[in-house]
Amino acid sequence: GVNKKWESCNMQVNQKMAGDWMRNYQNQVPALLESGIPVLIYAGDQDYICNWLGNRAWTLALEWGKDFDGKQGFNDAGEKSWMVDGKEAGKIRSYKGFSFLQFYQA
């Protein structure tokens, strides 16, 4: 892990990301997937601004695929352990190029 004092928000990072604040791209995800472009949505389990619960919720609700079969397949896929160097580092759900990753301690 990282050996650094925790802070609620790093203002240097916040300022550099200001131009990308709260833009909604979720409506573009179905077209990407239908074009064969894989999409990974990820969130750390310690992040309260872009929390993993909200990100997981919209990925589960996203309608995509022919007759929205992508949504059903993604929801049915379930979560699996995401491993790094032989240790569980998160949970991942994937279906037909669409993935949601909740990674731990981030």
PDB file of N, CA and C in Angstrom:
ATOM      1  N   GLY A   1       0.820  -1.200   0.000  1.00  0.00           N
ATOM      2  CA  GLY A   1       0.000   0.000   0.000  1.00  0.00           C
ATOM      3  C   GLY A   1       0.850   1.244   0.000  1.00  0.00           C
ATOM      4  N   VAL A   2       0.180   2.341  -0.010  1.00  0.00           N
ATOM      5  CA  VAL A   2       0.825   3.659  -0.027  1.00  0.00           C
ATOM      6  C   VAL A   2       1.045   4.122   1.396  1.00  0.00           C
ATOM      7  N   ASN A   3       2.206   4.667   1.650  1.00  0.00           N
ATOM      8  CA  ASN A   3       2.556   5.168   2.970  1.00  0.00           C
ATOM      9  C   ASN A   3       2.505   6.692   2.944  1.00  0.00           C
ATOM     10  N   LYS A   4       1.276   7.245   2.929  1.00  0.00           N
ATOM     11  CA  LYS A   4       1.100   8.681   2.809  1.00  0.00           C
ATOM     12  C   LYS A   4      -0.105   9.104   3.633  1.00  0.00           C
ATOM     13  N   LYS A   5      -0.066  10.306   4.178  1.00  0.00           N
ATOM     14  CA  LYS A   5      -1.188  10.810   4.969  1.00  0.00           C
ATOM     15  C   LYS A   5      -2.420  10.963   4.075  1.00  0.00           C
ATOM     16  N   TRP A   6      -3.560  10.451   4.551  1.00  0.00           N
ATOM     17  CA  TRP A   6      -4.822  10.535   3.811  1.00  0.00           C
ATOM     18  C   TRP A   6      -5.332  11.967   3.836  1.00  0.00           C
ATOM     19  N   GLU A   7      -5.845  12.424   2.706  1.00  0.00           N
ATOM     20  CA  GLU A   7      -6.506  13.719   2.638  1.00  0.00           C
ATOM     21  C   GLU A   7      -7.783  13.556   1.828  1.00  0.00           C
ATOM     22  N   SER A   8      -8.810  14.302   2.203  1.00  0.00           N
ATOM     23  CA  SER A   8     -10.117  14.107   1.581  1.00  0.00           C
ATOM     24  C   SER A   8     -10.105  14.449   0.100  1.00  0.00           C
ATOM     25  N   CYS A   9      -9.357  15.447  -0.296  1.00  0.00           N
ATOM     26  CA  CYS A   9      -9.290  15.803  -1.715  1.00  0.00           C
ATOM     27  C   CYS A   9      -7.979  16.538  -1.973  1.00  0.00           C
ATOM     28  N   ASN A  10      -7.204  16.046  -2.901  1.00  0.00           N
ATOM     29  CA  ASN A  10      -5.965  16.697  -3.283  1.00  0.00           C
ATOM     30  C   ASN A  10      -6.330  17.851  -4.224  1.00  0.00           C
ATOM     31  N   MET A  11      -6.164  19.071  -3.773  1.00  0.00           N
ATOM     32  CA  MET A  11      -6.599  20.233  -4.555  1.00  0.00           C
ATOM     33  C   MET A  11      -5.788  20.431  -5.833  1.00  0.00           C
ATOM     34  N   GLN A  12      -4.525  20.002  -5.865  1.00  0.00           N
ATOM     35  CA  GLN A  12      -3.744  20.095  -7.104  1.00  0.00           C
ATOM     36  C   GLN A  12      -4.366  19.210  -8.182  1.00  0.00           C
ATOM     37  N   VAL A  13      -4.697  17.983  -7.814  1.00  0.00           N
ATOM     38  CA  VAL A  13      -5.344  17.070  -8.755  1.00  0.00           C
ATOM     39  C   VAL A  13      -6.723  17.617  -9.127  1.00  0.00           C
ATOM     40  N   ASN A  14      -7.470  18.095  -8.149  1.00  0.00           N
ATOM     41  CA  ASN A  14      -8.796  18.654  -8.387  1.00  0.00           C
ATOM     42  C   ASN A  14      -8.750  19.782  -9.411  1.00  0.00           C
ATOM     43  N   GLN A  15      -7.809  20.706  -9.276  1.00  0.00           N
ATOM     44  CA  GLN A  15      -7.694  21.832 -10.198  1.00  0.00           C
ATOM     45  C   GLN A  15      -7.340  21.376 -11.612  1.00  0.00           C
ATOM     46  N   LYS A  16      -6.463  20.387 -11.726  1.00  0.00           N
ATOM     47  CA  LYS A  16      -6.061  19.907 -13.047  1.00  0.00           C
ATOM     48  C   LYS A  16      -7.184  19.136 -13.748  1.00  0.00           C
ATOM     49  N   MET A  17      -8.129  18.604 -12.965  1.00  0.00           N
ATOM     50  CA  MET A  17      -9.250  17.855 -13.533  1.00  0.00           C
ATOM     51  C   MET A  17     -10.490  18.733 -13.720  1.00  0.00           C
ATOM     52  N   ALA A  18     -10.406  20.010 -13.389  1.00  0.00           N
ATOM     53  CA  ALA A  18     -11.576  20.895 -13.392  1.00  0.00           C
ATOM     54  C   ALA A  18     -12.276  20.935 -14.749  1.00  0.00           C
ATOM     55  N   GLY A  19     -11.555  20.847 -15.829  1.00  0.00           N
ATOM     56  CA  GLY A  19     -12.160  20.888 -17.162  1.00  0.00           C
ATOM     57  C   GLY A  19     -12.943  19.639 -17.507  1.00  0.00           C
ATOM     58  N   ASP A  20     -12.798  18.574 -16.722  1.00  0.00           N
ATOM     59  CA  ASP A  20     -13.470  17.309 -16.986  1.00  0.00           C
ATOM     60  C   ASP A  20     -14.512  17.000 -15.912  1.00  0.00           C
ATOM     61  N   TRP A  21     -14.917  18.007 -15.186  1.00  0.00           N
ATOM     62  CA  TRP A  21     -15.812  17.812 -14.040  1.00  0.00           C
ATOM     63  C   TRP A  21     -17.243  17.509 -14.473  1.00  0.00           C
ATOM     64  N   MET A  22     -17.781  16.416 -13.961  1.00  0.00           N
ATOM     65  CA  MET A  22     -19.183  16.043 -14.093  1.00  0.00           C
ATOM     66  C   MET A  22     -19.702  16.000 -15.536  1.00  0.00           C
ATOM     67  N   ARG A  23     -18.931  15.494 -16.425  1.00  0.00           N
ATOM     68  CA  ARG A  23     -19.416  15.302 -17.789  1.00  0.00           C
ATOM     69  C   ARG A  23     -20.052  13.929 -17.889  1.00  0.00           C
ATOM     70  N   ASN A  24     -21.173  13.862 -18.541  1.00  0.00           N
ATOM     71  CA  ASN A  24     -21.919  12.621 -18.646  1.00  0.00           C
ATOM     72  C   ASN A  24     -21.594  11.939 -19.975  1.00  0.00           C
ATOM     73  N   TYR A  25     -20.881  10.838 -19.885  1.00  0.00           N
ATOM     74  CA  TYR A  25     -20.524  10.071 -21.073  1.00  0.00           C
ATOM     75  C   TYR A  25     -21.244   8.728 -21.135  1.00  0.00           C
ATOM     76  N   GLN A  26     -22.059   8.410 -20.145  1.00  0.00           N
ATOM     77  CA  GLN A  26     -22.668   7.087 -20.103  1.00  0.00           C
ATOM     78  C   GLN A  26     -23.558   6.816 -21.304  1.00  0.00           C
ATOM     79  N   ASN A  27     -24.145   7.840 -21.899  1.00  0.00           N
ATOM     80  CA  ASN A  27     -25.003   7.627 -23.066  1.00  0.00           C
ATOM     81  C   ASN A  27     -24.209   7.238 -24.311  1.00  0.00           C
ATOM     82  N   GLN A  28     -22.896   7.432 -24.279  1.00  0.00           N
ATOM     83  CA  GLN A  28     -22.048   7.056 -25.412  1.00  0.00           C
ATOM     84  C   GLN A  28     -21.530   5.629 -25.304  1.00  0.00           C
ATOM     85  N   VAL A  29     -21.663   5.022 -24.133  1.00  0.00           N
ATOM     86  CA  VAL A  29     -21.135   3.677 -23.904  1.00  0.00           C
ATOM     87  C   VAL A  29     -21.795   2.626 -24.797  1.00  0.00           C
ATOM     88  N   PRO A  30     -23.132   2.608 -24.960  1.00  0.00           N
ATOM     89  CA  PRO A  30     -23.738   1.571 -25.814  1.00  0.00           C
ATOM     90  C   PRO A  30     -23.194   1.567 -27.244  1.00  0.00           C
ATOM     91  N   ALA A  31     -22.999   2.738 -27.835  1.00  0.00           N
ATOM     92  CA  ALA A  31     -22.475   2.804 -29.207  1.00  0.00           C
ATOM     93  C   ALA A  31     -21.046   2.263 -29.274  1.00  0.00           C
ATOM     94  N   LEU A  32     -20.253   2.548 -28.269  1.00  0.00           N
ATOM     95  CA  LEU A  32     -18.888   2.013 -28.235  1.00  0.00           C
ATOM     96  C   LEU A  32     -18.912   0.492 -28.188  1.00  0.00           C
ATOM     97  N   LEU A  33     -19.729  -0.056 -27.295  1.00  0.00           N
ATOM     98  CA  LEU A  33     -19.818  -1.509 -27.158  1.00  0.00           C
ATOM     99  C   LEU A  33     -20.334  -2.166 -28.431  1.00  0.00           C
ATOM    100  N   GLU A  34     -21.344  -1.561 -29.045  1.00  0.00           N
ATOM    101  CA  GLU A  34     -21.912  -2.117 -30.271  1.00  0.00           C
ATOM    102  C   GLU A  34     -20.937  -2.029 -31.438  1.00  0.00           C
ATOM    103  N   SER A  35     -19.939  -1.137 -31.325  1.00  0.00           N
ATOM    104  CA  SER A  35     -18.887  -1.026 -32.342  1.00  0.00           C
ATOM    105  C   SER A  35     -17.718  -1.963 -32.059  1.00  0.00           C
ATOM    106  N   GLY A  36     -17.811  -2.716 -30.971  1.00  0.00           N
ATOM    107  CA  GLY A  36     -16.751  -3.658 -30.630  1.00  0.00           C
ATOM    108  C   GLY A  36     -15.624  -3.064 -29.804  1.00  0.00           C
ATOM    109  N   ILE A  37     -15.803  -1.851 -29.300  1.00  0.00           N
ATOM    110  CA  ILE A  37     -14.777  -1.200 -28.487  1.00  0.00           C
ATOM    111  C   ILE A  37     -15.019  -1.571 -27.018  1.00  0.00           C
ATOM    112  N   PRO A  38     -14.058  -2.225 -26.371  1.00  0.00           N
ATOM    113  CA  PRO A  38     -14.256  -2.584 -24.965  1.00  0.00           C
ATOM    114  C   PRO A  38     -14.298  -1.351 -24.067  1.00  0.00           C
ATOM    115  N   VAL A  39     -15.105  -1.423 -23.020  1.00  0.00           N
ATOM    116  CA  VAL A  39     -15.266  -0.305 -22.088  1.00  0.00           C
ATOM    117  C   VAL A  39     -15.057  -0.829 -20.665  1.00  0.00           C
ATOM    118  N   LEU A  40     -14.193  -0.152 -19.928  1.00  0.00           N
ATOM    119  CA  LEU A  40     -13.952  -0.458 -18.522  1.00  0.00           C
ATOM    120  C   LEU A  40     -14.341   0.758 -17.695  1.00  0.00           C
ATOM    121  N   ILE A  41     -15.256   0.560 -16.758  1.00  0.00           N
ATOM    122  CA  ILE A  41     -15.606   1.583 -15.777  1.00  0.00           C
ATOM    123  C   ILE A  41     -15.006   1.104 -14.457  1.00  0.00           C
ATOM    124  N   TYR A  42     -14.268   1.967 -13.766  1.00  0.00           N
ATOM    125  CA  TYR A  42     -13.627   1.536 -12.531  1.00  0.00           C
ATOM    126  C   TYR A  42     -13.790   2.595 -11.443  1.00  0.00           C
ATOM    127  N   ALA A  43     -13.764   2.140 -10.210  1.00  0.00           N
ATOM    128  CA  ALA A  43     -13.844   3.040  -9.064  1.00  0.00           C
ATOM    129  C   ALA A  43     -13.193   2.374  -7.867  1.00  0.00           C
ATOM    130  N   GLY A  44     -12.492   3.170  -7.093  1.00  0.00           N
ATOM    131  CA  GLY A  44     -11.887   2.668  -5.868  1.00  0.00           C
ATOM    132  C   GLY A  44     -12.900   2.599  -4.743  1.00  0.00           C
ATOM    133  N   ASP A  45     -12.737   1.638  -3.871  1.00  0.00           N
ATOM    134  CA  ASP A  45     -13.705   1.469  -2.786  1.00  0.00           C
ATOM    135  C   ASP A  45     -13.560   2.523  -1.689  1.00  0.00           C
ATOM    136  N   GLN A  46     -12.534   3.358  -1.740  1.00  0.00           N
ATOM    137  CA  GLN A  46     -12.344   4.422  -0.752  1.00  0.00           C
ATOM    138  C   GLN A  46     -12.712   5.800  -1.303  1.00  0.00           C
ATOM    139  N   ASP A  47     -13.075   5.875  -2.562  1.00  0.00           N
ATOM    140  CA  ASP A  47     -13.377   7.150  -3.220  1.00  0.00           C
ATOM    141  C   ASP A  47     -14.821   7.537  -2.942  1.00  0.00           C
ATOM    142  N   TYR A  48     -15.024   8.654  -2.271  1.00  0.00           N
ATOM    143  CA  TYR A  48     -16.404   9.046  -1.975  1.00  0.00           C
ATOM    144  C   TYR A  48     -16.949  10.055  -2.971  1.00  0.00           C
ATOM    145  N   ILE A  49     -16.122  10.634  -3.811  1.00  0.00           N
ATOM    146  CA  ILE A  49     -16.619  11.559  -4.832  1.00  0.00           C
ATOM    147  C   ILE A  49     -17.128  10.774  -6.030  1.00  0.00           C
ATOM    148  N   CYS A  50     -16.359   9.812  -6.483  1.00  0.00           N
ATOM    149  CA  CYS A  50     -16.787   8.910  -7.572  1.00  0.00           C
ATOM    150  C   CYS A  50     -16.922   7.518  -6.958  1.00  0.00           C
ATOM    151  N   ASN A  51     -17.887   7.358  -6.086  1.00  0.00           N
ATOM    152  CA  ASN A  51     -17.967   6.126  -5.309  1.00  0.00           C
ATOM    153  C   ASN A  51     -18.352   4.927  -6.164  1.00  0.00           C
ATOM    154  N   TRP A  52     -17.888   3.774  -5.729  1.00  0.00           N
ATOM    155  CA  TRP A  52     -18.085   2.551  -6.506  1.00  0.00           C
ATOM    156  C   TRP A  52     -19.539   2.119  -6.514  1.00  0.00           C
ATOM    157  N   LEU A  53     -20.296   2.405  -5.485  1.00  0.00           N
ATOM    158  CA  LEU A  53     -21.704   1.997  -5.445  1.00  0.00           C
ATOM    159  C   LEU A  53     -22.518   2.693  -6.540  1.00  0.00           C
ATOM    160  N   GLY A  54     -22.326   3.983  -6.689  1.00  0.00           N
ATOM    161  CA  GLY A  54     -23.032   4.728  -7.738  1.00  0.00           C
ATOM    162  C   GLY A  54     -22.593   4.311  -9.127  1.00  0.00           C
ATOM    163  N   ASN A  55     -21.293   4.104  -9.301  1.00  0.00           N
ATOM    164  CA  ASN A  55     -20.789   3.671 -10.607  1.00  0.00           C
ATOM    165  C   ASN A  55     -21.283   2.271 -10.956  1.00  0.00           C
ATOM    166  N   ARG A  56     -21.291   1.383  -9.987  1.00  0.00           N
ATOM    167  CA  ARG A  56     -21.817   0.039 -10.246  1.00  0.00           C
ATOM    168  C   ARG A  56     -23.301   0.107 -10.594  1.00  0.00           C
ATOM    169  N   ALA A  57     -24.047   0.955  -9.888  1.00  0.00           N
ATOM    170  CA  ALA A  57     -25.492   1.066 -10.119  1.00  0.00           C
ATOM    171  C   ALA A  57     -25.796   1.491 -11.554  1.00  0.00           C
ATOM    172  N   TRP A  58     -25.071   2.491 -12.089  1.00  0.00           N
ATOM    173  CA  TRP A  58     -25.415   2.916 -13.443  1.00  0.00           C
ATOM    174  C   TRP A  58     -24.957   1.895 -14.488  1.00  0.00           C
ATOM    175  N   THR A  59     -23.879   1.157 -14.201  1.00  0.00           N
ATOM    176  CA  THR A  59     -23.482   0.124 -15.166  1.00  0.00           C
ATOM    177  C   THR A  59     -24.506  -1.005 -15.208  1.00  0.00           C
ATOM    178  N   LEU A  60     -25.095  -1.330 -14.054  1.00  0.00           N
ATOM    179  CA  LEU A  60     -26.118  -2.369 -14.014  1.00  0.00           C
ATOM    180  C   LEU A  60     -27.416  -1.911 -14.683  1.00  0.00           C
ATOM    181  N   ALA A  61     -27.690  -0.618 -14.657  1.00  0.00           N
ATOM    182  CA  ALA A  61     -28.932  -0.078 -15.231  1.00  0.00           C
ATOM    183  C   ALA A  61     -28.808   0.257 -16.717  1.00  0.00           C
ATOM    184  N   LEU A  62     -27.579   0.312 -17.245  1.00  0.00           N
ATOM    185  CA  LEU A  62     -27.360   0.727 -18.633  1.00  0.00           C
ATOM    186  C   LEU A  62     -27.992  -0.245 -19.618  1.00  0.00           C
ATOM    187  N   GLU A  63     -28.796   0.300 -20.510  1.00  0.00           N
ATOM    188  CA  GLU A  63     -29.429  -0.519 -21.548  1.00  0.00           C
ATOM    189  C   GLU A  63     -28.545  -0.493 -22.788  1.00  0.00           C
ATOM    190  N   TRP A  64     -28.134  -1.668 -23.226  1.00  0.00           N
ATOM    191  CA  TRP A  64     -27.263  -1.759 -24.400  1.00  0.00           C
ATOM    192  C   TRP A  64     -27.409  -3.137 -25.020  1.00  0.00           C
ATOM    193  N   GLY A  65     -26.942  -3.234 -26.242  1.00  0.00           N
ATOM    194  CA  GLY A  65     -26.998  -4.496 -26.971  1.00  0.00           C
ATOM    195  C   GLY A  65     -28.324  -4.656 -27.706  1.00  0.00           C
ATOM    196  N   LYS A  66     -28.348  -5.621 -28.602  1.00  0.00           N
ATOM    197  CA  LYS A  66     -29.560  -5.913 -29.360  1.00  0.00           C
ATOM    198  C   LYS A  66     -30.661  -6.329 -28.385  1.00  0.00           C
ATOM    199  N   ASP A  67     -31.798  -5.668 -28.477  1.00  0.00           N
ATOM    200  CA  ASP A  67     -32.926  -5.921 -27.570  1.00  0.00           C
ATOM    201  C   ASP A  67     -32.504  -5.809 -26.106  1.00  0.00           C
ATOM    202  N   PHE A  68     -31.485  -5.005 -25.863  1.00  0.00           N
ATOM    203  CA  PHE A  68     -30.946  -4.775 -24.526  1.00  0.00           C
ATOM    204  C   PHE A  68     -30.457  -6.049 -23.852  1.00  0.00           C
ATOM    205  N   ASP A  69     -30.044  -7.038 -24.662  1.00  0.00           N
ATOM    206  CA  ASP A  69     -29.526  -8.284 -24.093  1.00  0.00           C
ATOM    207  C   ASP A  69     -28.189  -8.072 -23.385  1.00  0.00           C
ATOM    208  N   GLY A  70     -27.480  -6.989 -23.717  1.00  0.00           N
ATOM    209  CA  GLY A  70     -26.228  -6.694 -23.035  1.00  0.00           C
ATOM    210  C   GLY A  70     -26.451  -6.399 -21.565  1.00  0.00           C
ATOM    211  N   LYS A  71     -27.489  -5.627 -21.279  1.00  0.00           N
ATOM    212  CA  LYS A  71     -27.823  -5.312 -19.891  1.00  0.00           C
ATOM    213  C   LYS A  71     -28.095  -6.587 -19.103  1.00  0.00           C
ATOM    214  N   GLN A  72     -28.913  -7.462 -19.660  1.00  0.00           N
ATOM    215  CA  GLN A  72     -29.264  -8.704 -18.955  1.00  0.00           C
ATOM    216  C   GLN A  72     -28.031  -9.582 -18.757  1.00  0.00           C
ATOM    217  N   GLY A  73     -27.224  -9.723 -19.804  1.00  0.00           N
ATOM    218  CA  GLY A  73     -26.017 -10.542 -19.699  1.00  0.00           C
ATOM    219  C   GLY A  73     -25.019  -9.987 -18.697  1.00  0.00           C
ATOM    220  N   PHE A  74     -24.879  -8.659 -18.687  1.00  0.00           N
ATOM    221  CA  PHE A  74     -23.964  -8.013 -17.743  1.00  0.00           C
ATOM    222  C   PHE A  74     -24.445  -8.229 -16.316  1.00  0.00           C
ATOM    223  N   ASN A  75     -25.735  -8.039 -16.086  1.00  0.00           N
ATOM    224  CA  ASN A  75     -26.282  -8.240 -14.738  1.00  0.00           C
ATOM    225  C   ASN A  75     -26.151  -9.690 -14.293  1.00  0.00           C
ATOM    226  N   ASP A  76     -26.355 -10.625 -15.217  1.00  0.00           N
ATOM    227  CA  ASP A  76     -26.260 -12.048 -14.889  1.00  0.00           C
ATOM    228  C   ASP A  76     -24.818 -12.522 -14.695  1.00  0.00           C
ATOM    229  N   ALA A  77     -23.854 -11.760 -15.204  1.00  0.00           N
ATOM    230  CA  ALA A  77     -22.449 -12.190 -15.171  1.00  0.00           C
ATOM    231  C   ALA A  77     -21.911 -12.342 -13.751  1.00  0.00           C
ATOM    232  N   GLY A  78     -22.393 -11.559 -12.836  1.00  0.00           N
ATOM    233  CA  GLY A  78     -21.906 -11.634 -11.459  1.00  0.00           C
ATOM    234  C   GLY A  78     -20.500 -11.077 -11.308  1.00  0.00           C
ATOM    235  N   GLU A  79     -20.106 -10.894 -10.074  1.00  0.00           N
ATOM    236  CA  GLU A  79     -18.784 -10.357  -9.777  1.00  0.00           C
ATOM    237  C   GLU A  79     -17.801 -11.488  -9.503  1.00  0.00           C
ATOM    238  N   LYS A  80     -16.576 -11.268  -9.953  1.00  0.00           N
ATOM    239  CA  LYS A  80     -15.498 -12.229  -9.728  1.00  0.00           C
ATOM    240  C   LYS A  80     -14.324 -11.495  -9.086  1.00  0.00           C
ATOM    241  N   SER A  81     -13.478 -12.236  -8.412  1.00  0.00           N
ATOM    242  CA  SER A  81     -12.289 -11.634  -7.819  1.00  0.00           C
ATOM    243  C   SER A  81     -11.367 -11.113  -8.909  1.00  0.00           C
ATOM    244  N   TRP A  82     -10.811  -9.933  -8.693  1.00  0.00           N
ATOM    245  CA  TRP A  82      -9.822  -9.345  -9.586  1.00  0.00           C
ATOM    246  C   TRP A  82      -8.484  -9.452  -8.865  1.00  0.00           C
ATOM    247  N   MET A  83      -7.576 -10.199  -9.444  1.00  0.00           N
ATOM    248  CA  MET A  83      -6.331 -10.541  -8.774  1.00  0.00           C
ATOM    249  C   MET A  83      -5.146  -9.740  -9.314  1.00  0.00           C
ATOM    250  N   VAL A  84      -4.268  -9.339  -8.407  1.00  0.00           N
ATOM    251  CA  VAL A  84      -3.005  -8.681  -8.754  1.00  0.00           C
ATOM    252  C   VAL A  84      -1.913  -9.349  -7.933  1.00  0.00           C
ATOM    253  N   ASP A  85      -0.913  -9.887  -8.607  1.00  0.00           N
ATOM    254  CA  ASP A  85       0.194 -10.578  -7.933  1.00  0.00           C
ATOM    255  C   ASP A  85      -0.302 -11.649  -6.969  1.00  0.00           C
ATOM    256  N   GLY A  86      -1.336 -12.376  -7.382  1.00  0.00           N
ATOM    257  CA  GLY A  86      -1.847 -13.481  -6.593  1.00  0.00           C
ATOM    258  C   GLY A  86      -2.737 -13.091  -5.420  1.00  0.00           C
ATOM    259  N   LYS A  87      -3.041 -11.808  -5.266  1.00  0.00           N
ATOM    260  CA  LYS A  87      -3.895 -11.348  -4.173  1.00  0.00           C
ATOM    261  C   LYS A  87      -5.144 -10.680  -4.741  1.00  0.00           C
ATOM    262  N   GLU A  88      -6.261 -10.881  -4.042  1.00  0.00           N
ATOM    263  CA  GLU A  88      -7.489 -10.214  -4.476  1.00  0.00           C
ATOM    264  C   GLU A  88      -7.347  -8.715  -4.265  1.00  0.00           C
ATOM    265  N   ALA A  89      -7.489  -7.955  -5.350  1.00  0.00           N
ATOM    266  CA  ALA A  89      -7.336  -6.502  -5.298  1.00  0.00           C
ATOM    267  C   ALA A  89      -8.625  -5.779  -5.646  1.00  0.00           C
ATOM    268  N   GLY A  90      -9.683  -6.547  -5.902  1.00  0.00           N
ATOM    269  CA  GLY A  90     -10.964  -5.938  -6.222  1.00  0.00           C
ATOM    270  C   GLY A  90     -11.951  -6.972  -6.715  1.00  0.00           C
ATOM    271  N   LYS A  91     -13.066  -6.453  -7.225  1.00  0.00           N
ATOM    272  CA  LYS A  91     -14.113  -7.284  -7.826  1.00  0.00           C
ATOM    273  C   LYS A  91     -14.381  -6.756  -9.222  1.00  0.00           C
ATOM    274  N   ILE A  92     -14.590  -7.675 -10.176  1.00  0.00           N
ATOM    275  CA  ILE A  92     -14.859  -7.271 -11.552  1.00  0.00           C
ATOM    276  C   ILE A  92     -16.058  -8.038 -12.092  1.00  0.00           C
ATOM    277  N   ARG A  93     -16.842  -7.348 -12.887  1.00  0.00           N
ATOM    278  CA  ARG A  93     -17.983  -7.936 -13.594  1.00  0.00           C
ATOM    279  C   ARG A  93     -17.772  -7.589 -15.065  1.00  0.00           C
ATOM    280  N   SER A  94     -17.847  -8.582 -15.947  1.00  0.00           N
ATOM    281  CA  SER A  94     -17.606  -8.357 -17.377  1.00  0.00           C
ATOM    282  C   SER A  94     -18.579  -9.155 -18.229  1.00  0.00           C
ATOM    283  N   TYR A  95     -18.952  -8.536 -19.352  1.00  0.00           N
ATOM    284  CA  TYR A  95     -19.785  -9.219 -20.333  1.00  0.00           C
ATOM    285  C   TYR A  95     -19.633  -8.522 -21.674  1.00  0.00           C
ATOM    286  N   LYS A  96     -19.254  -9.280 -22.694  1.00  0.00           N
ATOM    287  CA  LYS A  96     -19.141  -8.790 -24.072  1.00  0.00           C
ATOM    288  C   LYS A  96     -18.434  -7.441 -24.179  1.00  0.00           C
ATOM    289  N   GLY A  97     -17.288  -7.324 -23.532  1.00  0.00           N
ATOM    290  CA  GLY A  97     -16.473  -6.117 -23.658  1.00  0.00           C
ATOM    291  C   GLY A  97     -16.819  -5.002 -22.691  1.00  0.00           C
ATOM    292  N   PHE A  98     -17.815  -5.186 -21.860  1.00  0.00           N
ATOM    293  CA  PHE A  98     -18.190  -4.175 -20.868  1.00  0.00           C
ATOM    294  C   PHE A  98     -17.792  -4.687 -19.491  1.00  0.00           C
ATOM    295  N   SER A  99     -17.013  -3.894 -18.767  1.00  0.00           N
ATOM    296  CA  SER A  99     -16.523  -4.318 -17.460  1.00  0.00           C
ATOM    297  C   SER A  99     -16.685  -3.208 -16.434  1.00  0.00           C
ATOM    298  N   PHE A 100     -17.003  -3.618 -15.218  1.00  0.00           N
ATOM    299  CA  PHE A 100     -16.980  -2.707 -14.076  1.00  0.00           C
ATOM    300  C   PHE A 100     -16.031  -3.302 -13.037  1.00  0.00           C
ATOM    301  N   LEU A 101     -15.084  -2.482 -12.593  1.00  0.00           N
ATOM    302  CA  LEU A 101     -14.080  -2.906 -11.620  1.00  0.00           C
ATOM    303  C   LEU A 101     -14.171  -2.052 -10.370  1.00  0.00           C
ATOM    304  N   GLN A 102     -14.378  -2.695  -9.247  1.00  0.00           N
ATOM    305  CA  GLN A 102     -14.264  -2.060  -7.936  1.00  0.00           C
ATOM    306  C   GLN A 102     -12.912  -2.483  -7.406  1.00  0.00           C
ATOM    307  N   PHE A 103     -11.977  -1.529  -7.257  1.00  0.00           N
ATOM    308  CA  PHE A 103     -10.683  -1.951  -6.747  1.00  0.00           C
ATOM    309  C   PHE A 103     -10.486  -1.436  -5.321  1.00  0.00           C
ATOM    310  N   TYR A 104      -9.813  -2.273  -4.537  1.00  0.00           N
ATOM    311  CA  TYR A 104      -9.691  -2.042  -3.107  1.00  0.00           C
ATOM    312  C   TYR A 104      -8.593  -1.049  -2.765  1.00  0.00           C
ATOM    313  N   GLN A 105      -8.797  -0.381  -1.647  1.00  0.00           N
ATOM    314  CA  GLN A 105      -7.809   0.519  -1.048  1.00  0.00           C
ATOM    315  C   GLN A 105      -7.414   1.671  -1.957  1.00  0.00           C
ATOM    316  N   ALA A 106      -8.374   2.159  -2.715  1.00  0.00           N
ATOM    317  CA  ALA A 106      -8.087   3.301  -3.612  1.00  0.00           C
ATOM    318  C   ALA A 106      -9.252   4.262  -3.617  1.00  0.00           C
TER     319      ALA A 106
END
